[in-house]
N, C-alpha and C. Protein backbone atom coordinates (compact mmCIF):
# COMPACT_ATOMS: atom_id res chain seq x y z
N MET A 1 0.85 -1.16 0.00
CA MET A 1 0.00 0.00 0.00
C MET A 1 0.90 1.23 0.00
N HIS A 2 0.56 2.15 -0.81
CA HIS A 2 1.34 3.36 -0.97
C HIS A 2 0.80 4.43 -0.01
N ARG A 3 1.72 5.05 0.74
CA ARG A 3 1.32 6.10 1.67
C ARG A 3 1.85 7.43 1.19
N HIS A 4 1.06 8.43 1.36
CA HIS A 4 1.48 9.77 1.00
C HIS A 4 2.39 10.31 2.10
N PRO A 5 3.33 11.16 1.75
CA PRO A 5 4.25 11.69 2.77
C PRO A 5 3.54 12.49 3.85
N TRP A 6 2.44 13.10 3.52
CA TRP A 6 1.73 13.91 4.52
C TRP A 6 0.91 13.07 5.48
N SER A 7 0.65 11.80 5.19
CA SER A 7 -0.25 11.00 6.01
C SER A 7 0.31 10.76 7.41
N ASP A 8 1.64 10.56 7.56
CA ASP A 8 2.22 10.36 8.90
C ASP A 8 2.05 11.60 9.76
N ALA A 9 2.28 12.76 9.14
CA ALA A 9 2.11 14.01 9.88
C ALA A 9 0.64 14.22 10.24
N PHE A 10 -0.25 13.85 9.31
CA PHE A 10 -1.67 14.00 9.56
C PHE A 10 -2.12 13.11 10.72
N VAL A 11 -1.62 11.89 10.76
CA VAL A 11 -1.98 10.97 11.84
C VAL A 11 -1.45 11.49 13.17
N ALA A 12 -0.22 12.04 13.16
CA ALA A 12 0.37 12.56 14.39
C ALA A 12 -0.39 13.78 14.90
N MET A 13 -0.98 14.55 14.01
CA MET A 13 -1.70 15.76 14.42
C MET A 13 -3.14 15.48 14.84
N SER A 14 -3.68 14.36 14.44
CA SER A 14 -5.09 14.09 14.75
C SER A 14 -5.28 13.92 16.26
N PRO A 15 -6.36 14.44 16.77
CA PRO A 15 -6.58 14.36 18.22
C PRO A 15 -6.80 12.92 18.66
N GLN A 16 -6.18 12.58 19.76
CA GLN A 16 -6.37 11.25 20.34
C GLN A 16 -7.64 11.27 21.18
N PRO A 17 -8.40 10.22 21.16
CA PRO A 17 -9.60 10.20 22.00
C PRO A 17 -9.20 10.23 23.48
N ARG A 18 -9.96 10.96 24.26
CA ARG A 18 -9.70 11.07 25.69
C ARG A 18 -10.95 10.58 26.42
N TYR A 19 -10.77 9.52 27.15
CA TYR A 19 -11.90 8.91 27.84
C TYR A 19 -11.76 8.97 29.36
N ARG A 20 -10.85 9.78 29.84
CA ARG A 20 -10.69 9.89 31.29
C ARG A 20 -11.97 10.47 31.89
N GLY A 21 -12.47 9.83 32.93
CA GLY A 21 -13.69 10.28 33.60
C GLY A 21 -14.95 9.65 33.03
N VAL A 22 -14.83 8.88 31.96
CA VAL A 22 -15.98 8.20 31.39
C VAL A 22 -15.95 6.77 31.89
N GLY A 23 -16.80 6.47 32.89
CA GLY A 23 -16.78 5.16 33.52
C GLY A 23 -17.91 4.28 33.03
N PRO A 24 -18.01 3.11 33.59
CA PRO A 24 -19.08 2.19 33.21
C PRO A 24 -20.46 2.76 33.52
N ARG A 25 -21.43 2.29 32.81
CA ARG A 25 -22.81 2.72 33.01
C ARG A 25 -23.23 2.45 34.45
N ASN A 26 -23.95 3.37 35.04
CA ASN A 26 -24.49 3.29 36.40
C ASN A 26 -23.43 3.29 37.49
N TYR A 27 -22.18 3.60 37.16
CA TYR A 27 -21.14 3.68 38.20
C TYR A 27 -21.24 5.01 38.90
N LYS A 28 -21.21 4.96 40.22
CA LYS A 28 -21.23 6.17 41.03
C LYS A 28 -20.23 5.99 42.16
N ARG A 29 -19.35 6.92 42.31
CA ARG A 29 -18.33 6.85 43.34
C ARG A 29 -18.98 7.08 44.70
N SER A 30 -18.56 6.32 45.70
CA SER A 30 -19.18 6.44 47.03
C SER A 30 -18.76 7.74 47.71
N ASP A 31 -19.66 8.24 48.55
CA ASP A 31 -19.39 9.47 49.29
C ASP A 31 -18.18 9.32 50.21
N GLU A 32 -17.98 8.12 50.76
CA GLU A 32 -16.84 7.89 51.65
C GLU A 32 -15.52 8.05 50.90
N ARG A 33 -15.46 7.52 49.67
CA ARG A 33 -14.22 7.65 48.87
C ARG A 33 -13.98 9.10 48.47
N ILE A 34 -15.04 9.81 48.12
CA ILE A 34 -14.92 11.22 47.76
C ILE A 34 -14.41 12.01 48.97
N LEU A 35 -15.02 11.77 50.14
CA LEU A 35 -14.62 12.45 51.36
C LEU A 35 -13.14 12.18 51.68
N GLU A 36 -12.74 10.93 51.57
CA GLU A 36 -11.35 10.57 51.85
C GLU A 36 -10.38 11.29 50.90
N ASP A 37 -10.71 11.33 49.61
CA ASP A 37 -9.85 12.01 48.63
C ASP A 37 -9.75 13.51 48.91
N ILE A 38 -10.88 14.15 49.21
CA ILE A 38 -10.86 15.59 49.48
C ILE A 38 -10.02 15.87 50.72
N ASN A 39 -10.24 15.11 51.78
CA ASN A 39 -9.47 15.32 53.00
C ASN A 39 -7.97 15.12 52.77
N GLU A 40 -7.60 14.12 52.00
CA GLU A 40 -6.18 13.90 51.71
C GLU A 40 -5.60 15.04 50.89
N ARG A 41 -6.33 15.51 49.89
CA ARG A 41 -5.81 16.59 49.06
C ARG A 41 -5.71 17.91 49.82
N LEU A 42 -6.69 18.18 50.68
CA LEU A 42 -6.61 19.39 51.51
C LEU A 42 -5.42 19.30 52.47
N THR A 43 -5.20 18.12 53.02
CA THR A 43 -4.09 17.92 53.95
C THR A 43 -2.74 18.04 53.25
N ASP A 44 -2.64 17.55 52.02
CA ASP A 44 -1.37 17.53 51.29
C ASP A 44 -1.02 18.85 50.62
N ASP A 45 -1.96 19.79 50.56
CA ASP A 45 -1.69 21.05 49.87
C ASP A 45 -0.74 21.92 50.69
N HIS A 46 0.35 22.36 50.04
CA HIS A 46 1.38 23.15 50.73
C HIS A 46 0.95 24.59 51.00
N HIS A 47 -0.05 25.08 50.30
CA HIS A 47 -0.42 26.49 50.38
C HIS A 47 -1.70 26.74 51.17
N LEU A 48 -2.22 25.72 51.84
CA LEU A 48 -3.51 25.85 52.50
C LEU A 48 -3.46 25.24 53.90
N ASP A 49 -3.84 26.04 54.90
CA ASP A 49 -3.99 25.54 56.26
C ASP A 49 -5.43 25.06 56.39
N ALA A 50 -5.61 23.75 56.35
CA ALA A 50 -6.96 23.18 56.35
C ALA A 50 -7.42 22.75 57.74
N SER A 51 -6.73 23.19 58.78
CA SER A 51 -7.05 22.73 60.13
C SER A 51 -8.41 23.20 60.63
N ASP A 52 -8.98 24.24 60.04
CA ASP A 52 -10.31 24.71 60.46
C ASP A 52 -11.37 24.46 59.39
N ILE A 53 -11.11 23.54 58.47
CA ILE A 53 -12.06 23.25 57.39
C ILE A 53 -12.78 21.94 57.69
N GLY A 54 -14.10 21.96 57.58
CA GLY A 54 -14.92 20.76 57.71
C GLY A 54 -15.45 20.37 56.34
N VAL A 55 -15.48 19.08 56.05
CA VAL A 55 -15.93 18.58 54.75
C VAL A 55 -17.06 17.59 54.97
N LYS A 56 -18.15 17.77 54.23
CA LYS A 56 -19.30 16.86 54.30
C LYS A 56 -19.68 16.50 52.88
N VAL A 57 -19.97 15.23 52.61
CA VAL A 57 -20.34 14.78 51.27
C VAL A 57 -21.65 14.00 51.35
N GLU A 58 -22.62 14.40 50.53
CA GLU A 58 -23.89 13.69 50.42
C GLU A 58 -24.27 13.61 48.96
N ASN A 59 -24.40 12.40 48.44
CA ASN A 59 -24.78 12.15 47.05
C ASN A 59 -23.89 12.91 46.06
N GLY A 60 -22.61 12.96 46.33
CA GLY A 60 -21.67 13.62 45.43
C GLY A 60 -21.62 15.13 45.57
N GLU A 61 -22.41 15.69 46.48
CA GLU A 61 -22.38 17.13 46.73
C GLU A 61 -21.56 17.40 47.98
N VAL A 62 -20.58 18.27 47.84
CA VAL A 62 -19.63 18.56 48.91
C VAL A 62 -19.99 19.90 49.56
N THR A 63 -19.95 19.94 50.89
CA THR A 63 -20.14 21.18 51.63
C THR A 63 -18.88 21.43 52.44
N LEU A 64 -18.26 22.59 52.19
CA LEU A 64 -17.09 23.01 52.96
C LEU A 64 -17.55 24.01 54.01
N SER A 65 -17.14 23.82 55.25
CA SER A 65 -17.51 24.74 56.33
C SER A 65 -16.28 25.05 57.17
N GLY A 66 -16.39 26.06 58.01
CA GLY A 66 -15.27 26.45 58.86
C GLY A 66 -14.70 27.78 58.42
N SER A 67 -13.40 27.97 58.64
CA SER A 67 -12.79 29.25 58.29
C SER A 67 -11.39 29.05 57.73
N VAL A 68 -10.99 30.01 56.91
CA VAL A 68 -9.66 30.04 56.32
C VAL A 68 -9.11 31.46 56.47
N ALA A 69 -7.81 31.63 56.22
CA ALA A 69 -7.15 32.91 56.46
C ALA A 69 -7.54 33.99 55.47
N ASP A 70 -7.74 33.64 54.19
CA ASP A 70 -8.00 34.67 53.17
C ASP A 70 -8.84 34.10 52.03
N ARG A 71 -9.25 35.00 51.11
CA ARG A 71 -10.11 34.59 50.01
C ARG A 71 -9.42 33.62 49.07
N GLY A 72 -8.12 33.77 48.90
CA GLY A 72 -7.37 32.85 48.05
C GLY A 72 -7.44 31.43 48.59
N SER A 73 -7.35 31.29 49.89
CA SER A 73 -7.45 29.96 50.52
C SER A 73 -8.85 29.39 50.37
N LYS A 74 -9.85 30.26 50.43
CA LYS A 74 -11.23 29.81 50.25
C LYS A 74 -11.43 29.26 48.84
N ARG A 75 -10.93 29.99 47.85
CA ARG A 75 -11.05 29.53 46.46
C ARG A 75 -10.24 28.26 46.23
N ARG A 76 -9.05 28.20 46.82
CA ARG A 76 -8.18 27.04 46.64
C ARG A 76 -8.85 25.78 47.21
N ALA A 77 -9.45 25.89 48.39
CA ALA A 77 -10.13 24.74 48.99
C ALA A 77 -11.28 24.27 48.11
N GLU A 78 -12.03 25.23 47.55
CA GLU A 78 -13.13 24.86 46.65
C GLU A 78 -12.60 24.18 45.39
N ASP A 79 -11.53 24.71 44.81
CA ASP A 79 -10.94 24.10 43.61
C ASP A 79 -10.45 22.69 43.89
N ILE A 80 -9.84 22.48 45.05
CA ILE A 80 -9.36 21.15 45.41
C ILE A 80 -10.53 20.18 45.51
N ALA A 81 -11.59 20.59 46.19
CA ALA A 81 -12.76 19.72 46.34
C ALA A 81 -13.40 19.42 44.99
N GLU A 82 -13.48 20.44 44.14
CA GLU A 82 -14.11 20.28 42.83
C GLU A 82 -13.32 19.36 41.91
N SER A 83 -12.01 19.26 42.12
CA SER A 83 -11.17 18.45 41.24
C SER A 83 -11.24 16.96 41.52
N VAL A 84 -11.88 16.57 42.61
CA VAL A 84 -11.96 15.16 42.98
C VAL A 84 -13.02 14.46 42.13
N SER A 85 -12.66 13.30 41.64
CA SER A 85 -13.57 12.51 40.80
C SER A 85 -14.83 12.12 41.58
N GLY A 86 -15.99 12.32 40.97
CA GLY A 86 -17.26 11.98 41.59
C GLY A 86 -17.98 13.14 42.22
N VAL A 87 -17.33 14.32 42.30
CA VAL A 87 -17.96 15.49 42.90
C VAL A 87 -18.85 16.16 41.86
N GLY A 88 -20.12 16.35 42.21
CA GLY A 88 -21.05 17.00 41.29
C GLY A 88 -21.19 18.49 41.56
N HIS A 89 -21.10 18.89 42.82
CA HIS A 89 -21.28 20.29 43.20
C HIS A 89 -20.53 20.54 44.50
N VAL A 90 -19.98 21.76 44.64
CA VAL A 90 -19.31 22.15 45.87
C VAL A 90 -20.02 23.38 46.44
N GLN A 91 -20.52 23.25 47.66
CA GLN A 91 -21.12 24.38 48.37
C GLN A 91 -20.05 24.91 49.31
N ASN A 92 -19.53 26.09 49.01
CA ASN A 92 -18.44 26.65 49.80
C ASN A 92 -18.98 27.60 50.86
N ASP A 93 -19.10 27.11 52.09
CA ASP A 93 -19.58 27.91 53.21
C ASP A 93 -18.43 28.36 54.11
N LEU A 94 -17.21 28.34 53.56
CA LEU A 94 -16.06 28.77 54.35
C LEU A 94 -16.12 30.26 54.62
N ARG A 95 -15.71 30.66 55.80
CA ARG A 95 -15.64 32.08 56.17
C ARG A 95 -14.19 32.51 56.15
N VAL A 96 -13.98 33.73 55.69
CA VAL A 96 -12.64 34.28 55.62
C VAL A 96 -12.32 34.97 56.93
N GLY A 97 -11.16 34.63 57.50
CA GLY A 97 -10.74 35.24 58.76
C GLY A 97 -11.17 34.40 59.92
N SER A 98 -10.29 34.26 60.89
CA SER A 98 -10.61 33.51 62.09
C SER A 98 -9.73 34.03 63.20
N SER A 99 -9.96 33.56 64.40
CA SER A 99 -9.12 33.98 65.51
C SER A 99 -7.69 33.51 65.31
N ARG A 100 -7.50 32.47 64.54
CA ARG A 100 -6.17 31.95 64.28
C ARG A 100 -5.34 32.92 63.44
N THR A 101 -5.99 33.70 62.55
CA THR A 101 -5.23 34.62 61.71
C THR A 101 -4.64 35.76 62.52
N MET A 102 -5.15 36.00 63.71
CA MET A 102 -4.65 37.09 64.53
C MET A 102 -3.44 36.66 65.36
N THR A 103 -3.15 35.37 65.40
CA THR A 103 -2.04 34.88 66.20
C THR A 103 -0.85 34.61 65.31
N GLY A 104 0.21 34.11 65.92
CA GLY A 104 1.41 33.80 65.15
C GLY A 104 1.21 32.59 64.27
N VAL A 105 2.09 32.41 63.32
CA VAL A 105 2.00 31.28 62.39
C VAL A 105 2.18 30.00 63.17
N GLY A 106 1.30 29.07 62.96
CA GLY A 106 1.39 27.77 63.60
C GLY A 106 0.91 27.75 65.05
N GLU A 107 0.53 28.87 65.60
CA GLU A 107 0.07 28.91 66.99
C GLU A 107 -1.37 28.42 67.04
N ARG A 108 -1.64 27.49 67.94
CA ARG A 108 -2.98 26.93 68.06
C ARG A 108 -3.82 27.78 69.00
N VAL A 109 -5.09 27.94 68.69
CA VAL A 109 -6.02 28.70 69.51
C VAL A 109 -7.02 27.72 70.08
N GLU A 110 -7.22 27.77 71.39
CA GLU A 110 -8.18 26.88 72.04
C GLU A 110 -9.59 27.29 71.65
N PRO A 111 -10.47 26.32 71.38
CA PRO A 111 -11.85 26.67 71.04
C PRO A 111 -12.58 27.24 72.26
N ALA A 112 -13.60 28.03 71.99
CA ALA A 112 -14.41 28.61 73.06
C ALA A 112 -15.22 27.52 73.72
N ALA A 113 -15.63 27.76 74.95
CA ALA A 113 -16.46 26.80 75.66
C ALA A 113 -17.81 26.70 74.95
N PRO A 114 -18.41 25.50 74.91
CA PRO A 114 -19.73 25.35 74.28
C PRO A 114 -20.76 26.24 74.96
N GLN A 115 -21.82 26.58 74.23
CA GLN A 115 -22.86 27.47 74.74
C GLN A 115 -23.41 26.93 76.05
N GLY A 116 -23.50 27.80 77.05
CA GLY A 116 -24.06 27.40 78.33
C GLY A 116 -23.05 26.76 79.27
N GLU A 117 -21.81 26.53 78.81
CA GLU A 117 -20.81 25.92 79.66
C GLU A 117 -19.63 26.87 79.84
N GLY A 118 -19.91 28.10 80.20
CA GLY A 118 -18.85 29.08 80.37
C GLY A 118 -17.92 28.71 81.50
N SER A 119 -16.69 29.18 81.41
CA SER A 119 -15.70 28.86 82.42
C SER A 119 -15.22 30.15 83.06
N VAL A 120 -15.18 30.20 84.38
CA VAL A 120 -14.72 31.37 85.09
C VAL A 120 -13.21 31.52 84.92
N THR A 121 -12.52 30.39 84.75
CA THR A 121 -11.07 30.42 84.66
C THR A 121 -10.56 30.11 83.26
N GLY A 122 -11.43 30.02 82.27
CA GLY A 122 -11.02 29.66 80.92
C GLY A 122 -10.23 30.76 80.24
N PRO A 123 -9.78 30.50 78.99
CA PRO A 123 -8.94 31.46 78.29
C PRO A 123 -9.62 32.79 78.00
N GLY A 124 -10.94 32.83 77.95
CA GLY A 124 -11.63 34.08 77.66
C GLY A 124 -12.07 34.85 78.89
N ALA A 125 -11.86 34.28 80.09
CA ALA A 125 -12.36 34.89 81.31
C ALA A 125 -11.81 36.29 81.56
N PRO A 126 -10.49 36.53 81.47
CA PRO A 126 -10.01 37.89 81.73
C PRO A 126 -10.58 38.92 80.76
N ALA A 127 -10.65 38.57 79.50
CA ALA A 127 -11.19 39.50 78.51
C ALA A 127 -12.67 39.76 78.77
N ARG A 128 -13.41 38.70 79.09
CA ARG A 128 -14.83 38.84 79.35
C ARG A 128 -15.05 39.72 80.58
N ASP A 129 -14.27 39.48 81.65
CA ASP A 129 -14.42 40.27 82.87
C ASP A 129 -14.09 41.74 82.61
N ALA A 130 -13.05 42.00 81.81
CA ALA A 130 -12.68 43.38 81.50
C ALA A 130 -13.77 44.06 80.68
N MET A 131 -14.38 43.34 79.75
CA MET A 131 -15.43 43.91 78.93
C MET A 131 -16.66 44.23 79.78
N VAL A 132 -17.03 43.32 80.67
CA VAL A 132 -18.18 43.56 81.54
C VAL A 132 -17.92 44.77 82.43
N ALA A 133 -16.69 44.86 82.97
CA ALA A 133 -16.36 46.00 83.83
C ALA A 133 -16.42 47.31 83.04
N ALA A 134 -15.93 47.30 81.81
CA ALA A 134 -15.96 48.50 80.98
C ALA A 134 -17.39 48.91 80.67
N LEU A 135 -18.24 47.96 80.38
CA LEU A 135 -19.64 48.27 80.10
C LEU A 135 -20.36 48.78 81.34
N ASP A 136 -20.07 48.19 82.49
CA ASP A 136 -20.71 48.64 83.73
C ASP A 136 -20.30 50.06 84.10
N ASN A 137 -19.05 50.42 83.83
CA ASN A 137 -18.54 51.71 84.25
C ASN A 137 -18.68 52.80 83.19
N SER A 138 -19.17 52.46 82.02
CA SER A 138 -19.23 53.44 80.94
C SER A 138 -20.60 54.08 80.87
N SER A 139 -20.63 55.40 80.86
CA SER A 139 -21.89 56.11 80.68
C SER A 139 -22.19 56.32 79.21
N MET A 140 -21.23 55.98 78.35
CA MET A 140 -21.39 56.19 76.91
C MET A 140 -22.15 55.04 76.24
N VAL A 141 -22.20 53.90 76.88
CA VAL A 141 -22.79 52.72 76.26
C VAL A 141 -24.30 52.80 76.34
N LEU A 142 -24.94 52.86 75.23
CA LEU A 142 -26.40 52.83 75.12
C LEU A 142 -27.09 53.87 76.01
N GLY A 143 -26.44 54.98 76.25
CA GLY A 143 -27.04 56.06 77.01
C GLY A 143 -27.24 55.76 78.48
N LYS A 144 -26.49 54.79 79.01
CA LYS A 144 -26.63 54.47 80.42
C LYS A 144 -26.06 55.58 81.29
N GLN A 145 -26.62 55.75 82.45
CA GLN A 145 -26.05 56.66 83.43
C GLN A 145 -24.99 55.89 84.22
N PRO A 146 -23.99 56.60 84.74
CA PRO A 146 -22.95 55.90 85.51
C PRO A 146 -23.56 55.17 86.69
N LEU A 147 -23.02 54.03 87.00
CA LEU A 147 -23.48 53.28 88.15
C LEU A 147 -22.94 53.92 89.42
N PRO A 148 -23.68 53.84 90.53
CA PRO A 148 -23.17 54.40 91.78
C PRO A 148 -21.94 53.63 92.25
N GLU A 149 -21.17 54.27 93.10
CA GLU A 149 -19.96 53.65 93.63
C GLU A 149 -20.29 52.36 94.37
N ASP A 150 -21.37 52.41 95.15
CA ASP A 150 -21.79 51.25 95.91
C ASP A 150 -22.75 50.44 95.04
N ASP A 151 -22.46 49.18 94.82
CA ASP A 151 -23.33 48.41 93.92
C ASP A 151 -24.53 47.81 94.64
N THR A 152 -24.85 48.29 95.82
CA THR A 152 -26.03 47.82 96.54
C THR A 152 -27.28 48.14 95.74
N LEU A 153 -27.30 49.32 95.09
CA LEU A 153 -28.44 49.72 94.28
C LEU A 153 -28.65 48.76 93.12
N ARG A 154 -27.57 48.36 92.50
CA ARG A 154 -27.66 47.47 91.36
C ARG A 154 -28.18 46.10 91.78
N ARG A 155 -27.76 45.61 92.94
CA ARG A 155 -28.18 44.28 93.37
C ARG A 155 -29.60 44.25 93.90
N THR A 156 -30.01 45.25 94.66
CA THR A 156 -31.32 45.19 95.31
C THR A 156 -32.35 46.10 94.69
N GLY A 157 -31.91 47.11 93.97
CA GLY A 157 -32.85 48.06 93.41
C GLY A 157 -33.18 49.17 94.38
N GLU A 158 -32.70 49.09 95.62
CA GLU A 158 -32.94 50.09 96.65
C GLU A 158 -31.63 50.80 96.97
N PRO A 159 -31.68 52.09 97.29
CA PRO A 159 -30.44 52.78 97.65
C PRO A 159 -29.88 52.25 98.96
N ALA A 160 -28.58 52.40 99.12
CA ALA A 160 -27.93 51.98 100.36
C ALA A 160 -28.38 52.91 101.48
N ALA A 161 -28.45 52.42 102.69
CA ALA A 161 -28.96 53.19 103.82
C ALA A 161 -28.06 54.37 104.15
N ALA A 162 -26.79 54.29 103.89
CA ALA A 162 -25.85 55.34 104.28
C ALA A 162 -26.05 56.62 103.48
N ASP A 163 -26.55 56.55 102.26
CA ASP A 163 -26.63 57.77 101.45
C ASP A 163 -28.00 58.43 101.51
N GLY A 164 -28.97 57.81 102.13
CA GLY A 164 -30.27 58.43 102.29
C GLY A 164 -31.09 58.51 101.00
N GLY A 165 -30.71 57.75 99.99
CA GLY A 165 -31.48 57.72 98.75
C GLY A 165 -31.25 58.90 97.85
N SER A 166 -30.13 59.61 97.99
CA SER A 166 -29.89 60.80 97.19
C SER A 166 -29.22 60.50 95.85
N ARG A 167 -28.88 59.27 95.57
CA ARG A 167 -28.17 58.95 94.33
C ARG A 167 -29.13 58.82 93.15
N LEU A 168 -28.59 59.08 91.97
CA LEU A 168 -29.39 58.92 90.74
C LEU A 168 -29.54 57.45 90.41
N ARG A 169 -30.63 57.14 89.81
CA ARG A 169 -30.85 55.76 89.38
C ARG A 169 -30.69 55.66 87.91
């Protein structure tokens, strides 16, 4: 058979079929495998601190929650999740900025106490006490009048006996 000189070049230039991602009929990747792949890729990424990212997968739909340092990290996490085989949609509920961004690199921040389980000696106690004291002593906050020196009025609603009731309420 005689071949034309241009036929080899033509064959080399012709597009090769690409079937990556085309699986058997009715094949669906399990949510557990998708979750595992996303978690591994987020963990292995050199440019993303994924320690505050939560991943949930239901029927191939991924939900990212938690917080990241900046918008670039938010987009990067979404791109990583979207690149995993079997993902149909990514709902990116990540928030930009966290208490961790205010600290040093690699410094861990303890989580706040769960609602209703406040701690008098926990990591937020000094700040909370200072804020309460500032609000109690400030006449600028919400138009409050200054509190009397003696907090008997605040506790009982009645003036202390020593002042004869001459203080403002």
